[in-house]
Amino acid sequence: MKPTVDDFLFGEGLKLEDYFIRVTPVSEVLCYVGPGGREFYLSISDDELADAALQRLRDLGVRIVEMG
């Protein structure tokens, strides 16, 4: 059974503040801040879940970081 978007994003204890979307001229990447303040890309192999996660975080007002 496929997890819900909220289960996927928040089921392991991450909070909205931990996530951000990095926008470049060619892509949007879902990222999060892990232990010690390190930034990580969140790789999602399921395209439908990835799109849903990006949209859900945008709807919740996640921080967007624009890269030149």
Protein backbone atom coordinates (compact mmCIF):
# COMPACT_ATOMS: atom_id res chain seq x y z
CA MET A 1 0.00 0.00 0.00
CA LYS A 2 1.33 3.41 -1.00
CA PRO A 3 1.83 5.90 1.85
CA THR A 4 -0.15 9.12 1.89
CA VAL A 5 1.81 12.27 1.10
CA ASP A 6 1.59 13.44 4.72
CA ASP A 7 2.75 10.03 6.01
CA PHE A 8 5.68 10.13 3.61
CA LEU A 9 6.69 13.69 4.50
CA PHE A 10 5.99 13.77 8.22
CA GLY A 11 5.81 10.13 9.33
CA GLU A 12 9.45 9.96 10.41
CA GLY A 13 9.28 13.10 12.56
CA LEU A 14 10.31 15.78 10.07
CA LYS A 15 8.39 19.05 10.35
CA LEU A 16 7.39 21.60 7.73
CA GLU A 17 10.25 23.84 8.88
CA ASP A 18 12.72 21.08 7.96
CA TYR A 19 11.75 21.14 4.28
CA PHE A 20 12.45 23.58 1.47
CA ILE A 21 12.19 23.56 -2.30
CA ARG A 22 15.29 24.56 -4.26
CA VAL A 23 14.31 26.05 -7.63
CA THR A 24 16.89 26.29 -10.41
CA PRO A 25 16.44 27.39 -14.03
CA VAL A 26 15.95 23.73 -15.00
CA SER A 27 14.37 21.97 -12.01
CA GLU A 28 12.70 21.99 -8.63
CA VAL A 29 14.25 19.82 -5.95
CA LEU A 30 12.70 18.83 -2.65
CA CYS A 31 15.24 19.23 0.16
CA TYR A 32 15.33 18.98 3.92
CA VAL A 33 17.60 19.97 6.78
CA GLY A 34 18.77 16.97 8.77
CA PRO A 35 20.70 16.48 11.98
CA GLY A 36 23.42 19.04 12.56
CA GLY A 37 21.89 21.44 10.04
CA ARG A 38 23.08 19.51 6.99
CA GLU A 39 20.99 19.91 3.84
CA PHE A 40 19.88 16.87 1.86
CA TYR A 41 18.02 16.28 -1.39
CA LEU A 42 14.97 14.06 -0.95
CA SER A 43 15.01 11.60 -3.82
CA ILE A 44 11.58 10.13 -4.56
CA SER A 45 11.51 7.40 -7.23
CA ASP A 46 7.72 7.50 -7.60
CA ASP A 47 6.95 10.48 -9.88
CA GLU A 48 3.33 10.73 -8.71
CA LEU A 49 4.37 10.81 -5.05
CA ALA A 50 7.15 13.32 -5.81
CA ASP A 51 4.71 15.68 -7.55
CA ALA A 52 2.19 15.29 -4.73
CA ALA A 53 4.88 15.98 -2.10
CA LEU A 54 6.04 19.15 -3.85
CA GLN A 55 2.45 20.38 -4.21
CA ARG A 56 1.56 19.55 -0.60
CA LEU A 57 4.58 21.44 0.72
CA ARG A 58 3.79 24.42 -1.53
CA ASP A 59 0.20 24.40 -0.23
CA LEU A 60 1.55 24.44 3.34
CA GLY A 61 3.78 27.43 2.57
CA VAL A 62 7.17 25.75 2.55
CA ARG A 63 10.25 27.94 2.06
CA ILE A 64 11.26 28.30 -1.60
CA VAL A 65 14.94 28.93 -2.39
CA GLU A 66 15.59 30.37 -5.86
CA MET A 67 18.98 29.53 -7.34
CA GLY A 68 20.34 31.70 -10.18
